[in-house]
Amino acid sequence: MDVTITLTVNGKRKTVTTDPQRPLLDVLREDLDLTGSKYSCGEGLCGACTVLMDGDLILSCITPVGEVDNKAITTIEGLATGDSLHPVQEAFLAEDAVQCGYCAPGMIMTSAALLKKKPRPTDEEVVEWMNGNLCRCCGYPKILTAIRRAARQGSEVKVS
């Protein structure tokens, strides 16, 4: 039975009528046309679908949309402010930390959340924090360099 779900996505209030067990990722991509978060494993193991819910990381491929009713969701599209990229997005571009780009949205969302909680993480803390995000192209050295760069610039994630 379909229900009406109200959520704030990237600062904009949205309502959808759908099955509450439907994955949030499907609603974001198919109903709200926010295709930045990627479907990859479908099991919450790779991190490509990572978004923020009320400032906390969640895996949208395994989160039923019914669990996000009246919550604030931030997707990769919501990090930028107007035409200005978020410092983590800028750092990933500057360090060429994106090869195929499939993992990038989840990597960037996780990195931004890390830097909000711990603005100057050690390399070991970055590796531990990023452990749930997989890069099939094995771009980890450049990703680490990008996160270091963003930390030096002083990043803070904006949460809708």
N, C-alpha and C. Protein backbone atom coordinates (compact mmCIF):
# COMPACT_ATOMS: atom_id res chain seq x y z
N MET A 1 0.84 -1.17 0.00
CA MET A 1 0.00 0.00 0.00
C MET A 1 0.89 1.24 0.00
N ASP A 2 0.65 2.12 -0.94
CA ASP A 2 1.43 3.35 -1.05
C ASP A 2 1.06 4.34 0.05
N VAL A 3 2.07 5.12 0.47
CA VAL A 3 1.88 6.17 1.46
C VAL A 3 2.53 7.44 0.92
N THR A 4 2.17 8.56 1.50
CA THR A 4 2.80 9.82 1.12
C THR A 4 3.92 10.12 2.11
N ILE A 5 5.10 10.33 1.56
CA ILE A 5 6.30 10.61 2.33
C ILE A 5 6.68 12.06 2.07
N THR A 6 7.00 12.79 3.14
CA THR A 6 7.48 14.17 3.02
C THR A 6 8.91 14.20 3.51
N LEU A 7 9.78 14.79 2.72
CA LEU A 7 11.18 14.91 3.10
C LEU A 7 11.73 16.20 2.52
N THR A 8 12.83 16.64 3.09
CA THR A 8 13.52 17.82 2.58
C THR A 8 14.77 17.31 1.89
N VAL A 9 14.88 17.56 0.60
CA VAL A 9 16.03 17.09 -0.18
C VAL A 9 16.79 18.30 -0.68
N ASN A 10 18.03 18.39 -0.24
CA ASN A 10 18.90 19.51 -0.63
C ASN A 10 18.22 20.86 -0.39
N GLY A 11 17.53 20.93 0.76
CA GLY A 11 16.91 22.19 1.17
C GLY A 11 15.53 22.44 0.62
N LYS A 12 15.01 21.53 -0.20
CA LYS A 12 13.68 21.71 -0.79
C LYS A 12 12.73 20.64 -0.30
N ARG A 13 11.58 21.08 0.16
CA ARG A 13 10.56 20.15 0.66
C ARG A 13 9.94 19.39 -0.52
N LYS A 14 9.88 18.07 -0.39
CA LYS A 14 9.35 17.20 -1.44
C LYS A 14 8.36 16.22 -0.83
N THR A 15 7.38 15.83 -1.62
CA THR A 15 6.48 14.76 -1.21
C THR A 15 6.42 13.74 -2.35
N VAL A 16 6.37 12.49 -1.97
CA VAL A 16 6.22 11.40 -2.93
C VAL A 16 5.22 10.41 -2.37
N THR A 17 4.44 9.83 -3.24
CA THR A 17 3.52 8.77 -2.85
C THR A 17 4.05 7.49 -3.45
N THR A 18 4.42 6.58 -2.58
CA THR A 18 5.09 5.36 -3.04
C THR A 18 5.02 4.29 -1.95
N ASP A 19 5.48 3.12 -2.28
CA ASP A 19 5.61 2.02 -1.32
C ASP A 19 6.68 2.42 -0.30
N PRO A 20 6.37 2.40 1.00
CA PRO A 20 7.35 2.84 2.00
C PRO A 20 8.58 1.93 2.09
N GLN A 21 8.52 0.74 1.53
CA GLN A 21 9.67 -0.17 1.54
C GLN A 21 10.60 0.05 0.34
N ARG A 22 10.19 0.90 -0.57
CA ARG A 22 11.01 1.18 -1.75
C ARG A 22 12.31 1.85 -1.33
N PRO A 23 13.44 1.48 -1.92
CA PRO A 23 14.71 2.11 -1.53
C PRO A 23 14.72 3.62 -1.79
N LEU A 24 15.27 4.36 -0.85
CA LEU A 24 15.41 5.80 -1.02
C LEU A 24 16.14 6.13 -2.32
N LEU A 25 17.15 5.35 -2.67
CA LEU A 25 17.90 5.60 -3.89
C LEU A 25 16.98 5.63 -5.11
N ASP A 26 16.05 4.69 -5.19
CA ASP A 26 15.12 4.66 -6.33
C ASP A 26 14.27 5.92 -6.37
N VAL A 27 13.81 6.37 -5.22
CA VAL A 27 12.98 7.58 -5.16
C VAL A 27 13.81 8.79 -5.59
N LEU A 28 15.03 8.89 -5.09
CA LEU A 28 15.89 10.02 -5.47
C LEU A 28 16.12 10.04 -6.97
N ARG A 29 16.48 8.91 -7.53
CA ARG A 29 16.84 8.85 -8.95
C ARG A 29 15.62 8.90 -9.87
N GLU A 30 14.60 8.12 -9.57
CA GLU A 30 13.47 7.98 -10.49
C GLU A 30 12.37 9.01 -10.29
N ASP A 31 12.08 9.36 -9.05
CA ASP A 31 10.97 10.29 -8.78
C ASP A 31 11.44 11.74 -8.69
N LEU A 32 12.63 11.95 -8.14
CA LEU A 32 13.10 13.32 -7.91
C LEU A 32 14.19 13.73 -8.91
N ASP A 33 14.55 12.86 -9.81
CA ASP A 33 15.53 13.14 -10.87
C ASP A 33 16.88 13.61 -10.33
N LEU A 34 17.29 13.05 -9.20
CA LEU A 34 18.62 13.32 -8.62
C LEU A 34 19.47 12.08 -8.86
N THR A 35 20.20 12.08 -9.94
CA THR A 35 20.90 10.89 -10.40
C THR A 35 22.36 10.84 -9.98
N GLY A 36 22.79 11.74 -9.12
CA GLY A 36 24.18 11.75 -8.68
C GLY A 36 24.54 10.53 -7.86
N SER A 37 23.69 10.14 -6.94
CA SER A 37 23.92 8.94 -6.14
C SER A 37 23.75 7.74 -7.04
N LYS A 38 24.66 6.80 -6.94
CA LYS A 38 24.70 5.68 -7.88
C LYS A 38 24.22 4.37 -7.26
N TYR A 39 23.56 3.56 -8.09
CA TYR A 39 23.25 2.19 -7.74
C TYR A 39 24.43 1.35 -8.19
N SER A 40 24.97 0.57 -7.27
CA SER A 40 26.08 -0.29 -7.64
C SER A 40 25.84 -1.70 -7.12
N CYS A 41 26.06 -1.93 -5.85
CA CYS A 41 25.92 -3.29 -5.33
C CYS A 41 24.48 -3.62 -4.92
N GLY A 42 23.71 -2.62 -4.51
CA GLY A 42 22.35 -2.86 -4.06
C GLY A 42 22.26 -3.54 -2.70
N GLU A 43 23.39 -3.69 -2.03
CA GLU A 43 23.43 -4.38 -0.74
C GLU A 43 24.04 -3.54 0.37
N GLY A 44 24.35 -2.28 0.09
CA GLY A 44 24.95 -1.41 1.10
C GLY A 44 26.40 -1.72 1.40
N LEU A 45 27.10 -2.31 0.45
CA LEU A 45 28.48 -2.72 0.70
C LEU A 45 29.53 -1.86 0.01
N CYS A 46 29.12 -1.03 -0.97
CA CYS A 46 30.14 -0.31 -1.76
C CYS A 46 30.18 1.19 -1.51
N GLY A 47 29.09 1.78 -1.01
CA GLY A 47 29.08 3.19 -0.68
C GLY A 47 28.75 4.13 -1.82
N ALA A 48 28.51 3.63 -3.04
CA ALA A 48 28.24 4.51 -4.18
C ALA A 48 26.94 5.31 -4.00
N CYS A 49 26.04 4.81 -3.18
CA CYS A 49 24.73 5.44 -2.98
C CYS A 49 24.67 6.32 -1.73
N THR A 50 25.79 6.59 -1.12
CA THR A 50 25.82 7.32 0.15
C THR A 50 25.22 8.72 0.04
N VAL A 51 24.33 9.02 0.97
CA VAL A 51 23.75 10.35 1.13
C VAL A 51 23.75 10.66 2.63
N LEU A 52 23.36 11.88 2.96
CA LEU A 52 23.24 12.26 4.36
C LEU A 52 21.77 12.36 4.74
N MET A 53 21.43 11.86 5.91
CA MET A 53 20.09 12.01 6.47
C MET A 53 20.26 12.72 7.81
N ASP A 54 19.73 13.92 7.89
CA ASP A 54 19.90 14.74 9.09
C ASP A 54 21.37 14.81 9.50
N GLY A 55 22.24 14.88 8.50
CA GLY A 55 23.67 15.03 8.73
C GLY A 55 24.45 13.75 8.92
N ASP A 56 23.77 12.61 8.98
CA ASP A 56 24.45 11.32 9.17
C ASP A 56 24.47 10.53 7.87
N LEU A 57 25.55 9.80 7.66
CA LEU A 57 25.69 8.98 6.45
C LEU A 57 24.69 7.84 6.46
N ILE A 58 24.05 7.63 5.32
CA ILE A 58 23.21 6.44 5.14
C ILE A 58 23.46 5.89 3.73
N LEU A 59 23.18 4.64 3.58
CA LEU A 59 23.29 3.98 2.28
C LEU A 59 21.88 3.92 1.70
N SER A 60 21.66 4.73 0.68
CA SER A 60 20.30 4.91 0.18
C SER A 60 19.75 3.70 -0.57
N CYS A 61 20.62 2.77 -0.98
CA CYS A 61 20.12 1.59 -1.69
C CYS A 61 19.45 0.60 -0.75
N ILE A 62 19.74 0.67 0.54
CA ILE A 62 19.13 -0.26 1.50
C ILE A 62 18.27 0.46 2.54
N THR A 63 18.08 1.76 2.38
CA THR A 63 17.25 2.51 3.31
C THR A 63 15.86 2.66 2.71
N PRO A 64 14.85 2.07 3.34
CA PRO A 64 13.49 2.23 2.84
C PRO A 64 13.06 3.70 2.94
N VAL A 65 12.40 4.19 1.91
CA VAL A 65 12.00 5.60 1.89
C VAL A 65 11.07 5.92 3.06
N GLY A 66 10.35 4.94 3.56
CA GLY A 66 9.49 5.16 4.72
C GLY A 66 10.25 5.58 5.96
N GLU A 67 11.54 5.25 6.02
CA GLU A 67 12.37 5.63 7.18
C GLU A 67 12.87 7.06 7.11
N VAL A 68 12.67 7.73 5.98
CA VAL A 68 13.17 9.10 5.85
C VAL A 68 12.05 10.13 5.88
N ASP A 69 10.85 9.70 6.21
CA ASP A 69 9.73 10.63 6.31
C ASP A 69 10.07 11.73 7.31
N ASN A 70 9.89 12.96 6.88
CA ASN A 70 10.16 14.16 7.70
C ASN A 70 11.63 14.31 8.07
N LYS A 71 12.52 13.81 7.24
CA LYS A 71 13.96 13.94 7.46
C LYS A 71 14.55 14.85 6.39
N ALA A 72 15.76 15.34 6.67
CA ALA A 72 16.50 16.16 5.71
C ALA A 72 17.54 15.27 5.03
N ILE A 73 17.49 15.22 3.72
CA ILE A 73 18.40 14.41 2.92
C ILE A 73 19.30 15.35 2.12
N THR A 74 20.60 15.08 2.15
CA THR A 74 21.54 15.82 1.31
C THR A 74 22.19 14.82 0.37
N THR A 75 22.11 15.12 -0.93
CA THR A 75 22.73 14.28 -1.94
C THR A 75 23.95 15.02 -2.48
N ILE A 76 24.68 14.38 -3.36
CA ILE A 76 25.86 15.01 -3.96
C ILE A 76 25.47 16.32 -4.65
N GLU A 77 24.27 16.39 -5.22
CA GLU A 77 23.81 17.60 -5.87
C GLU A 77 23.61 18.75 -4.88
N GLY A 78 23.41 18.41 -3.61
CA GLY A 78 23.14 19.42 -2.59
C GLY A 78 24.38 19.97 -1.91
N LEU A 79 25.55 19.45 -2.21
CA LEU A 79 26.77 19.96 -1.58
C LEU A 79 27.18 21.32 -2.12
N ALA A 80 27.05 21.48 -3.42
CA ALA A 80 27.45 22.76 -4.04
C ALA A 80 26.50 23.86 -3.59
N THR A 81 27.02 25.08 -3.59
CA THR A 81 26.21 26.25 -3.29
C THR A 81 26.15 27.09 -4.56
N GLY A 82 24.99 27.06 -5.22
CA GLY A 82 24.90 27.75 -6.50
C GLY A 82 25.89 27.17 -7.48
N ASP A 83 26.73 28.03 -8.04
CA ASP A 83 27.75 27.59 -8.99
C ASP A 83 29.07 27.25 -8.31
N SER A 84 29.13 27.36 -6.98
CA SER A 84 30.37 27.09 -6.24
C SER A 84 30.36 25.66 -5.71
N LEU A 85 31.33 24.89 -6.15
CA LEU A 85 31.44 23.53 -5.65
C LEU A 85 31.82 23.53 -4.18
N HIS A 86 31.46 22.46 -3.51
CA HIS A 86 31.88 22.22 -2.13
C HIS A 86 33.39 21.99 -2.15
N PRO A 87 34.12 22.37 -1.11
CA PRO A 87 35.57 22.16 -1.09
C PRO A 87 36.01 20.72 -1.35
N VAL A 88 35.23 19.74 -0.93
CA VAL A 88 35.60 18.35 -1.21
C VAL A 88 35.45 18.07 -2.70
N GLN A 89 34.39 18.57 -3.30
CA GLN A 89 34.22 18.40 -4.75
C GLN A 89 35.38 19.07 -5.50
N GLU A 90 35.74 20.27 -5.08
CA GLU A 90 36.87 20.98 -5.70
C GLU A 90 38.16 20.19 -5.57
N ALA A 91 38.38 19.63 -4.38
CA ALA A 91 39.61 18.88 -4.13
C ALA A 91 39.66 17.61 -5.00
N PHE A 92 38.54 16.91 -5.14
CA PHE A 92 38.52 15.71 -5.98
C PHE A 92 38.85 16.07 -7.43
N LEU A 93 38.34 17.19 -7.90
CA LEU A 93 38.66 17.63 -9.27
C LEU A 93 40.12 18.04 -9.39
N ALA A 94 40.59 18.83 -8.43
CA ALA A 94 41.97 19.34 -8.49
C ALA A 94 42.99 18.20 -8.43
N GLU A 95 42.69 17.17 -7.70
CA GLU A 95 43.63 16.05 -7.53
C GLU A 95 43.37 14.92 -8.54
N ASP A 96 42.44 15.14 -9.45
CA ASP A 96 42.10 14.13 -10.45
C ASP A 96 41.77 12.80 -9.77
N ALA A 97 40.96 12.89 -8.71
CA ALA A 97 40.63 11.72 -7.90
C ALA A 97 39.42 10.96 -8.43
N VAL A 98 39.01 11.27 -9.64
CA VAL A 98 37.87 10.60 -10.24
C VAL A 98 38.32 9.95 -11.53
N GLN A 99 38.24 8.63 -11.60
CA GLN A 99 38.60 7.97 -12.85
C GLN A 99 37.32 7.68 -13.62
N CYS A 100 36.62 6.62 -13.31
CA CYS A 100 35.37 6.36 -14.03
C CYS A 100 34.24 7.21 -13.45
N GLY A 101 34.38 7.62 -12.20
CA GLY A 101 33.41 8.51 -11.57
C GLY A 101 32.26 7.82 -10.86
N TYR A 102 32.18 6.51 -10.96
CA TYR A 102 31.04 5.83 -10.38
C TYR A 102 31.01 5.90 -8.85
N CYS A 103 32.15 5.77 -8.23
CA CYS A 103 32.22 5.80 -6.77
C CYS A 103 32.27 7.22 -6.22
N ALA A 104 32.57 8.18 -7.08
CA ALA A 104 32.86 9.55 -6.63
C ALA A 104 31.77 10.17 -5.76
N PRO A 105 30.49 10.08 -6.12
CA PRO A 105 29.48 10.71 -5.26
C PRO A 105 29.52 10.19 -3.82
N GLY A 106 29.60 8.88 -3.67
CA GLY A 106 29.67 8.30 -2.33
C GLY A 106 30.95 8.66 -1.60
N MET A 107 32.05 8.64 -2.32
CA MET A 107 33.34 9.03 -1.72
C MET A 107 33.30 10.47 -1.24
N ILE A 108 32.75 11.34 -2.07
CA ILE A 108 32.69 12.77 -1.73
C ILE A 108 31.76 12.99 -0.54
N MET A 109 30.60 12.35 -0.53
CA MET A 109 29.66 12.51 0.59
C MET A 109 30.29 12.01 1.90
N THR A 110 30.96 10.88 1.83
CA THR A 110 31.58 10.33 3.03
C THR A 110 32.72 11.23 3.50
N SER A 111 33.51 11.73 2.56
CA SER A 111 34.62 12.63 2.89
C SER A 111 34.11 13.92 3.54
N ALA A 112 33.05 14.48 2.97
CA ALA A 112 32.49 15.72 3.52
C ALA A 112 31.97 15.50 4.94
N ALA A 113 31.32 14.37 5.18
CA ALA A 113 30.82 14.07 6.52
C ALA A 113 31.98 13.87 7.50
N LEU A 114 33.03 13.19 7.05
CA LEU A 114 34.22 13.02 7.88
C LEU A 114 34.80 14.37 8.28
N LEU A 115 34.98 15.25 7.30
CA LEU A 115 35.62 16.53 7.58
C LEU A 115 34.75 17.45 8.43
N LYS A 116 33.46 17.23 8.41
CA LYS A 116 32.59 17.98 9.32
C LYS A 116 32.81 17.53 10.76
N LYS A 117 32.93 16.22 10.95
CA LYS A 117 33.12 15.67 12.30
C LYS A 117 34.56 15.83 12.78
N LYS A 118 35.49 15.70 11.85
CA LYS A 118 36.91 15.74 12.21
C LYS A 118 37.65 16.52 11.13
N PRO A 119 37.75 17.85 11.28
CA PRO A 119 38.33 18.69 10.23
C PRO A 119 39.77 18.38 9.86
N ARG A 120 40.54 17.81 10.75
CA ARG A 120 41.95 17.50 10.46
C ARG A 120 42.25 16.03 10.78
N PRO A 121 41.68 15.12 10.02
CA PRO A 121 41.89 13.70 10.32
C PRO A 121 43.29 13.23 9.93
N THR A 122 43.76 12.22 10.63
CA THR A 122 45.01 11.57 10.24
C THR A 122 44.71 10.67 9.04
N ASP A 123 45.76 10.24 8.35
CA ASP A 123 45.55 9.31 7.24
C ASP A 123 44.87 8.03 7.70
N GLU A 124 45.24 7.56 8.88
CA GLU A 124 44.63 6.34 9.41
C GLU A 124 43.14 6.54 9.65
N GLU A 125 42.76 7.71 10.16
CA GLU A 125 41.34 8.00 10.39
C GLU A 125 40.58 8.09 9.07
N VAL A 126 41.20 8.68 8.06
CA VAL A 126 40.56 8.76 6.74
C VAL A 126 40.33 7.36 6.20
N VAL A 127 41.35 6.52 6.25
CA VAL A 127 41.24 5.16 5.73
C VAL A 127 40.14 4.41 6.47
N GLU A 128 40.10 4.52 7.79
CA GLU A 128 39.07 3.83 8.58
C GLU A 128 37.68 4.35 8.21
N TRP A 129 37.54 5.68 8.12
CA TRP A 129 36.25 6.29 7.82
C TRP A 129 35.75 5.90 6.42
N MET A 130 36.67 5.83 5.47
CA MET A 130 36.32 5.56 4.08
C MET A 130 36.21 4.07 3.77
N ASN A 131 36.39 3.24 4.76
CA ASN A 131 36.43 1.79 4.58
C ASN A 131 35.19 1.21 3.90
N GLY A 132 34.04 1.85 4.03
CA GLY A 132 32.82 1.34 3.41
C GLY A 132 32.60 1.80 1.99
N ASN A 133 33.56 2.53 1.43
CA ASN A 133 33.45 3.02 0.06
C ASN A 133 34.47 2.32 -0.83
N LEU A 134 33.98 1.69 -1.88
CA LEU A 134 34.85 0.94 -2.78
C LEU A 134 35.05 1.69 -4.09
N CYS A 135 36.28 1.66 -4.59
CA CYS A 135 36.61 2.23 -5.89
C CYS A 135 37.11 1.09 -6.77
N ARG A 136 36.33 0.75 -7.77
CA ARG A 136 36.71 -0.37 -8.64
C ARG A 136 37.92 -0.04 -9.50
N CYS A 137 38.20 1.25 -9.67
CA CYS A 137 39.38 1.66 -10.46
C CYS A 137 40.64 1.72 -9.59
N CYS A 138 40.48 1.49 -8.29
CA CYS A 138 41.59 1.52 -7.33
C CYS A 138 42.26 2.89 -7.27
N GLY A 139 41.46 3.95 -7.27
CA GLY A 139 41.97 5.31 -7.21
C GLY A 139 42.24 5.81 -5.81
N TYR A 140 42.44 4.92 -4.87
CA TYR A 140 42.57 5.30 -3.46
C TYR A 140 43.68 6.30 -3.17
N PRO A 141 44.86 6.20 -3.76
CA PRO A 141 45.90 7.19 -3.45
C PRO A 141 45.46 8.62 -3.80
N LYS A 142 44.84 8.81 -4.95
CA LYS A 142 44.38 10.14 -5.33
C LYS A 142 43.21 10.60 -4.47
N ILE A 143 42.36 9.67 -4.08
CA ILE A 143 41.23 10.01 -3.20
C ILE A 143 41.76 10.49 -1.86
N LEU A 144 42.74 9.78 -1.30
CA LEU A 144 43.35 10.20 -0.04
C LEU A 144 43.98 11.58 -0.18
N THR A 145 44.68 11.81 -1.28
CA THR A 145 45.30 13.12 -1.52
C THR A 145 44.23 14.21 -1.61
N ALA A 146 43.11 13.92 -2.24
CA ALA A 146 42.02 14.89 -2.35
C ALA A 146 41.43 15.21 -0.98
N ILE A 147 41.26 14.20 -0.16
CA ILE A 147 40.71 14.42 1.19
C ILE A 147 41.69 15.25 2.01
N ARG A 148 42.98 14.95 1.90
CA ARG A 148 43.99 15.77 2.60
C ARG A 148 43.89 17.23 2.14
N ARG A 149 43.76 17.44 0.84
CA ARG A 149 43.67 18.80 0.29
C ARG A 149 42.43 19.52 0.84
N ALA A 150 41.29 18.84 0.83
CA ALA A 150 40.06 19.44 1.35
C ALA A 150 40.20 19.78 2.83
N ALA A 151 40.88 18.92 3.58
CA ALA A 151 41.09 19.19 5.01
C ALA A 151 41.95 20.44 5.20
N ARG A 152 42.97 20.59 4.37
CA ARG A 152 43.81 21.78 4.45
C ARG A 152 43.01 23.04 4.14
N GLN A 153 42.05 22.93 3.22
CA GLN A 153 41.22 24.08 2.83
C GLN A 153 40.16 24.38 3.86
N GLY A 154 39.90 23.45 4.78
CA GLY A 154 38.90 23.67 5.80
C GLY A 154 37.49 23.48 5.28
N SER A 155 37.11 22.23 5.07
CA SER A 155 35.78 21.92 4.53
C SER A 155 34.77 21.77 5.65
N GLU A 156 33.56 22.12 5.33
CA GLU A 156 32.43 21.81 6.20
C GLU A 156 31.24 21.51 5.31
N VAL A 157 30.66 20.36 5.54
CA VAL A 157 29.51 19.97 4.73
C VAL A 157 28.29 20.78 5.13
N LYS A 158 27.56 21.23 4.14
CA LYS A 158 26.31 21.93 4.37
C LYS A 158 25.22 20.86 4.33
N VAL A 159 24.41 20.85 5.34
CA VAL A 159 23.33 19.87 5.42
C VAL A 159 22.00 20.61 5.33
N SER A 160 21.18 20.16 4.40
CA SER A 160 19.86 20.78 4.21
C SER A 160 19.00 20.59 5.43
